[in-house]
Protein backbone atom coordinates (compact mmCIF):
# COMPACT_ATOMS: atom_id res chain seq x y z
CA MET A 1 -25.59 18.64 18.98
CA THR A 2 -21.86 19.13 19.07
CA ILE A 3 -20.08 21.26 16.59
CA THR A 4 -16.53 20.54 15.79
CA TYR A 5 -13.91 22.93 14.38
CA ALA A 6 -11.10 21.88 12.34
CA TRP A 7 -8.48 24.55 12.25
CA LYS A 8 -6.60 25.10 9.03
CA SER A 9 -4.04 27.47 7.87
CA VAL A 10 -5.09 30.24 5.41
CA ASP A 11 -3.06 28.70 2.43
CA GLU A 12 -4.71 25.32 3.10
CA ILE A 13 -8.28 26.92 3.36
CA LYS A 14 -7.59 28.79 -0.11
CA GLN A 15 -6.38 25.54 -1.58
CA ARG A 16 -9.53 23.62 -0.76
CA MET A 17 -11.69 26.29 -2.04
CA GLU A 18 -10.31 25.79 -5.47
CA PRO A 19 -12.63 23.46 -7.47
CA SER A 20 -9.46 21.73 -8.87
CA PHE A 21 -8.70 20.45 -5.30
CA TRP A 22 -11.83 18.16 -5.33
CA VAL A 23 -11.35 16.63 -8.75
CA VAL A 24 -8.40 14.92 -10.47
CA PRO A 25 -8.31 16.41 -13.81
CA ASP A 26 -4.40 16.41 -13.92
CA VAL A 27 -4.11 12.89 -13.12
CA SER A 28 -7.02 11.73 -15.17
CA ASP A 29 -5.86 13.68 -18.36
CA GLU A 30 -2.28 12.57 -17.71
CA LEU A 31 -3.41 8.89 -17.57
CA ALA A 32 -5.83 9.32 -20.48
CA GLN A 33 -2.77 10.75 -22.66
CA SER A 34 -0.38 7.99 -21.46
CA GLY A 35 -1.88 5.70 -24.28
CA PHE A 36 -2.28 2.69 -21.92
CA PRO A 37 -5.73 1.17 -21.01
CA VAL A 38 -7.20 2.90 -17.82
CA SER A 39 -9.86 1.34 -15.82
CA PRO A 40 -11.51 2.03 -12.35
CA LEU A 41 -9.89 -0.20 -9.57
CA GLY A 42 -13.49 -1.47 -8.97
CA GLN A 43 -13.27 -3.34 -12.40
CA PHE A 44 -10.61 -5.62 -10.75
CA ILE A 45 -11.92 -5.80 -7.12
CA ALA A 46 -13.41 -9.32 -6.44
CA TYR A 47 -13.74 -8.44 -2.88
CA MET A 48 -13.32 -5.67 -0.37
CA LYS A 49 -13.98 -5.60 3.30
CA GLN A 50 -13.48 -3.13 6.18
CA GLY A 51 -11.86 -4.45 9.33
CA ASP A 52 -13.01 -3.79 12.83
CA VAL A 53 -12.11 -3.23 16.48
CA PRO A 54 -12.63 -4.91 19.79
CA ARG A 55 -16.19 -4.37 20.91
CA LYS A 56 -16.44 -3.81 24.58
CA GLY A 57 -20.05 -4.77 24.57
CA ARG A 58 -19.21 -8.10 23.27
CA GLY A 59 -16.69 -8.46 25.82
CA GLU A 60 -13.86 -7.92 23.43
CA LYS A 61 -10.41 -6.36 24.38
CA TYR A 62 -6.98 -6.33 23.18
CA GLU A 63 -4.92 -9.22 24.75
CA ASP A 64 -1.42 -9.93 25.83
CA VAL A 65 -1.16 -12.78 23.32
CA GLY A 66 -3.38 -14.20 20.77
CA ILE A 67 -4.08 -13.38 17.00
CA THR A 68 -2.04 -10.55 15.43
CA PHE A 69 -4.13 -7.55 14.92
CA ILE A 70 -2.95 -4.91 12.54
CA GLU A 71 -3.59 -1.23 13.14
CA VAL A 72 -2.75 1.85 11.07
CA ILE A 73 0.51 2.54 12.98
CA SER A 74 1.79 -0.84 11.85
CA ILE A 75 1.62 -0.07 8.22
CA ILE A 76 4.83 1.62 7.26
CA PRO A 77 5.98 2.42 3.53
CA THR A 78 7.86 -0.77 3.05
CA GLY A 79 5.29 -3.16 4.74
CA ILE A 80 3.99 -4.02 8.01
CA ASP A 81 5.86 -3.56 11.36
CA PHE A 82 4.51 -6.68 13.45
CA GLU A 83 6.48 -5.17 16.52
CA THR A 84 3.84 -2.57 16.88
CA ALA A 85 0.88 -4.99 16.24
CA LYS A 86 -1.56 -5.73 18.96
CA TYR A 87 -3.49 -9.05 19.82
CA ILE A 88 -7.03 -10.11 19.96
CA SER A 89 -8.82 -13.41 21.14
CA ARG A 90 -9.73 -16.10 18.94
CA LYS A 91 -13.42 -15.49 19.60
CA GLN A 92 -12.96 -12.06 17.91
CA HIS A 93 -10.76 -13.48 15.23
CA THR A 94 -13.80 -15.71 14.56
CA ARG A 95 -16.12 -12.98 14.36
CA LEU A 96 -13.87 -11.07 12.01
CA ALA A 97 -13.65 -14.05 9.65
CA LYS A 98 -14.80 -11.98 6.57
CA SER A 99 -12.01 -9.49 7.07
CA ARG A 100 -9.22 -11.87 7.57
CA PRO A 101 -6.38 -11.06 5.18
CA ARG A 102 -4.62 -13.63 3.17
CA PRO A 103 -1.54 -13.85 0.78
CA ARG A 104 -1.68 -11.12 -2.08
CA ASP A 105 -4.55 -9.10 -0.51
CA VAL A 106 -3.86 -5.33 -0.73
CA LEU A 107 -4.53 -3.42 2.53
CA LEU A 108 -5.27 0.26 2.18
CA VAL A 109 -5.69 2.59 5.01
CA ARG A 110 -9.07 4.32 4.35
CA SER A 111 -9.41 6.84 7.18
CA GLY A 112 -7.33 9.07 9.41
CA LYS A 113 -5.62 12.34 8.74
CA GLY A 114 -1.89 11.79 7.84
CA SER A 115 -2.44 8.14 7.33
CA ILE A 116 -5.09 7.66 4.75
CA GLY A 117 -3.60 6.06 1.40
CA LYS A 118 -0.98 3.84 3.39
CA VAL A 119 -0.78 0.66 1.45
CA ALA A 120 0.61 -2.95 2.16
CA ILE A 121 0.57 -6.21 0.74
CA VAL A 122 -0.01 -9.42 2.62
CA SER A 123 2.86 -11.57 1.94
CA ASP A 124 3.58 -15.31 2.67
CA GLU A 125 6.11 -14.36 5.32
CA MET A 126 3.17 -12.78 7.43
CA PRO A 127 1.26 -14.75 10.10
CA GLU A 128 -1.37 -17.15 8.75
CA GLU A 129 -3.77 -15.81 11.13
CA MET A 130 -4.49 -11.94 11.65
CA ASN A 131 -7.20 -9.24 11.45
CA ILE A 132 -7.20 -5.64 10.42
CA SER A 133 -8.72 -2.67 12.21
CA GLY A 134 -11.60 -0.70 11.05
CA HIS A 135 -9.47 2.05 9.41
CA ILE A 136 -8.18 -0.49 6.82
CA ASN A 137 -9.64 -1.98 3.87
CA LEU A 138 -8.89 -5.48 2.66
CA ILE A 139 -8.89 -5.47 -1.16
CA ARG A 140 -8.73 -8.46 -3.19
CA VAL A 141 -8.21 -8.17 -6.85
CA GLU A 142 -8.51 -10.45 -10.02
CA GLY A 143 -7.40 -9.68 -13.50
CA ILE A 144 -4.61 -7.58 -12.44
CA ASN A 145 -1.50 -7.93 -10.45
CA PRO A 146 -1.92 -7.09 -6.77
CA TYR A 147 1.66 -5.94 -6.24
CA TYR A 148 1.32 -3.58 -9.40
CA VAL A 149 -1.92 -2.13 -7.94
CA ALA A 150 -0.16 -1.56 -4.49
CA THR A 151 2.61 0.17 -6.15
CA VAL A 152 0.27 2.55 -8.44
CA LEU A 153 -1.57 3.42 -5.21
CA LYS A 154 1.64 4.26 -3.63
CA SER A 155 2.82 6.33 -6.65
CA SER A 156 1.80 10.03 -7.28
CA PHE A 157 -1.05 8.77 -9.54
CA GLY A 158 -2.65 6.95 -6.79
CA GLN A 159 -1.94 9.37 -3.96
CA VAL A 160 -3.19 12.20 -5.46
CA GLN A 161 -6.53 10.58 -6.32
CA ILE A 162 -6.92 9.30 -2.88
CA GLU A 163 -6.18 12.86 -1.57
CA ARG A 164 -8.80 14.43 -3.64
CA LEU A 165 -11.44 11.81 -3.24
CA SER A 166 -11.34 11.72 0.61
CA SER A 167 -13.63 13.79 2.35
CA GLY A 168 -10.98 15.94 4.02
CA VAL A 169 -13.05 19.19 4.86
CA SER A 170 -13.15 18.15 8.55
CA ARG A 171 -10.99 16.12 11.05
CA GLN A 172 -12.69 12.91 9.68
CA VAL A 173 -10.69 12.25 6.51
CA ASN A 174 -12.12 9.05 5.03
CA ILE A 175 -12.33 7.29 1.59
CA GLY A 176 -15.28 5.08 1.12
CA PHE A 177 -15.90 1.76 -1.01
CA ALA A 178 -17.40 3.53 -4.08
CA LYS A 179 -14.50 6.07 -4.11
CA ILE A 180 -12.00 3.39 -3.65
CA ARG A 181 -13.57 1.47 -6.61
CA SER A 182 -13.39 4.73 -8.71
CA ILE A 183 -9.60 5.12 -8.40
CA HIS A 184 -7.97 5.25 -11.98
CA ILE A 185 -5.57 2.32 -12.74
CA PRO A 186 -3.52 2.29 -15.94
CA VAL A 187 -3.27 -1.24 -17.10
CA LEU A 188 0.38 -1.89 -18.03
CA PRO A 189 1.39 -5.12 -19.89
CA LYS A 190 1.44 -8.23 -17.76
CA SER A 191 5.03 -8.59 -18.37
CA ILE A 192 5.71 -5.38 -16.69
CA GLN A 193 3.19 -6.11 -13.79
CA LEU A 194 5.17 -9.35 -13.06
CA ARG A 195 8.42 -7.38 -13.30
CA VAL A 196 6.85 -5.01 -10.49
CA GLU A 197 5.90 -7.86 -8.54
CA GLU A 198 9.45 -9.34 -8.46
CA ARG A 199 10.99 -6.11 -7.56
CA TYR A 200 8.20 -5.54 -4.86
CA LYS A 201 9.02 -8.93 -3.30
CA GLN A 202 12.64 -8.21 -3.48
CA MET A 203 12.10 -5.01 -1.59
CA SER A 204 10.02 -6.97 0.85
CA ARG A 205 12.72 -9.23 1.75
CA PHE A 206 14.81 -6.45 2.93
CA HIS A 207 11.58 -5.16 4.88
CA HIS A 208 11.30 -8.49 6.55
CA ALA A 209 15.08 -8.76 7.27
CA ALA A 210 14.71 -5.33 8.94
CA MET A 211 11.84 -6.31 11.19
CA GLU A 212 13.51 -9.54 12.33
CA ALA A 213 16.58 -7.28 13.28
CA LYS A 214 14.36 -4.88 15.04
CA ALA A 215 12.79 -8.06 16.94
CA ALA A 216 16.27 -9.21 17.85
CA GLY A 217 17.21 -5.74 19.27
CA ASN A 218 19.82 -5.20 16.49
CA GLU A 219 18.96 -1.40 15.98
CA ALA A 220 21.72 -0.71 13.61
CA GLU A 221 21.03 -3.74 11.23
CA HIS A 222 17.37 -2.79 11.43
CA LYS A 223 18.01 0.86 10.29
CA GLU A 224 20.45 -0.28 7.49
CA LYS A 225 18.06 -2.67 5.86
CA LEU A 226 15.08 -0.74 6.41
CA ALA A 227 16.73 2.24 4.70
CA TYR A 228 17.59 -0.05 1.79
CA ALA A 229 14.28 -1.35 1.44
CA GLU A 230 12.83 2.09 1.24
CA GLN A 231 15.47 3.05 -1.30
CA LEU A 232 14.39 0.05 -3.44
CA LEU A 233 10.63 1.08 -3.10
CA ASP A 234 11.25 4.55 -4.14
CA GLU A 235 13.17 3.18 -7.28
CA LEU A 236 10.18 0.94 -7.95
CA ILE A 237 7.54 3.63 -7.70
CA THR A 238 9.82 5.79 -10.01
CA TYR A 239 9.94 3.11 -12.62
CA VAL A 240 6.33 2.51 -12.59
CA GLU A 241 5.43 6.27 -12.98
CA LYS A 242 8.24 6.76 -15.61
CA THR A 243 6.88 3.68 -17.51
CA ILE A 244 3.20 4.98 -17.37
CA ARG A 245 4.50 8.44 -18.79
CA ALA A 246 6.77 6.75 -21.25
CA ARG A 247 3.63 5.73 -23.64
CA PRO A 248 3.55 2.28 -25.29
CA GLN A 249 5.43 3.32 -28.30
CA ALA A 250 8.40 3.93 -26.02
CA LEU A 251 8.04 1.04 -23.93
CA LYS A 252 10.97 -1.40 -24.69
CA VAL A 253 11.66 -4.40 -22.55
CA GLU A 254 14.97 -6.08 -23.85
CA ALA A 255 15.91 -9.24 -22.21
CA SER A 256 19.54 -8.76 -23.10
CA THR A 257 19.80 -5.44 -21.21
CA SER A 258 17.44 -5.95 -18.42
CA ARG A 259 19.92 -7.65 -16.06
CA ARG A 260 21.33 -4.71 -14.68
CA LYS A 261 19.67 -1.68 -15.88
CA SER A 262 16.21 -1.95 -14.38
CA PHE A 263 15.90 0.07 -11.15
CA GLY A 264 19.65 0.91 -11.10
CA GLY A 265 20.77 -2.49 -9.94
CA PHE A 266 18.87 -4.10 -7.23
CA MET A 267 20.50 -6.40 -4.46
CA SER A 268 19.02 -9.21 -2.86
CA LEU A 269 19.84 -11.26 0.30
CA ASP A 270 21.54 -14.56 0.05
CA ARG A 271 21.03 -17.51 2.23
CA THR A 272 23.34 -15.96 4.98
CA GLY A 273 21.27 -12.76 4.96
CA GLN A 274 24.22 -10.76 3.18
CA GLN A 275 23.60 -8.55 0.23
CA SER A 276 24.19 -10.08 -3.29
CA ASP A 277 23.68 -9.00 -6.92
CA CYS A 278 20.34 -9.75 -8.09
CA VAL A 279 19.56 -10.03 -11.74
CA ALA A 280 16.21 -9.66 -13.50
């Protein structure tokens, strides 16, 4: 038997010895006190599947060209960086039919220290055919907006729960299906969820523009658009967190004032790819 030692700092060891590290009373209590309905994510999961890797025993390997294969490194805060993706054969793509992502699926990194908890949404701009690695879970939800779910998972409410639920006492950090289903999700009004989707998609347009610039070798434009996408994402997450903490009584959505006030004034891409004012 091989014994593996995972070295940690004294402060980290002390923190992990505290019972509070392995439970989420702070988040649970805060969500319960928010006044919004709170449900386990599992209540909305219609389908969940873990990806896989090329199997040498089956003669599978990474290819120079073929079906896009998404690994953890390709998932960045604002979306997926396809420039870092790999490729697999159509034969392997066929074998992994049950874990093929499709639009509006949530992708959650389920394992790996420093990577667990990364989240992305499969958008219409992505390749029609692709697969995911074994460190990623495909999550398909019903009865709740997937863009809202992704944003909550990216927020402090989601990240704290993922950190506590993951089995992080060794080098193998992991969060299983049952624990993913147990993540608490505050259920905001559908109008707010739709607004989150609109803003998320707006952020995604800048992400995709940044990736196109990267593919074209335009590093300056890539950095500029990616930085703006990150800014929009930060504003969106802050909006969701503040809305959850605001309680239903304080939640007021006034159409007459929403055009400029939401998220500090978002921008969008016009047909030429330039920035232009975007209204809600």
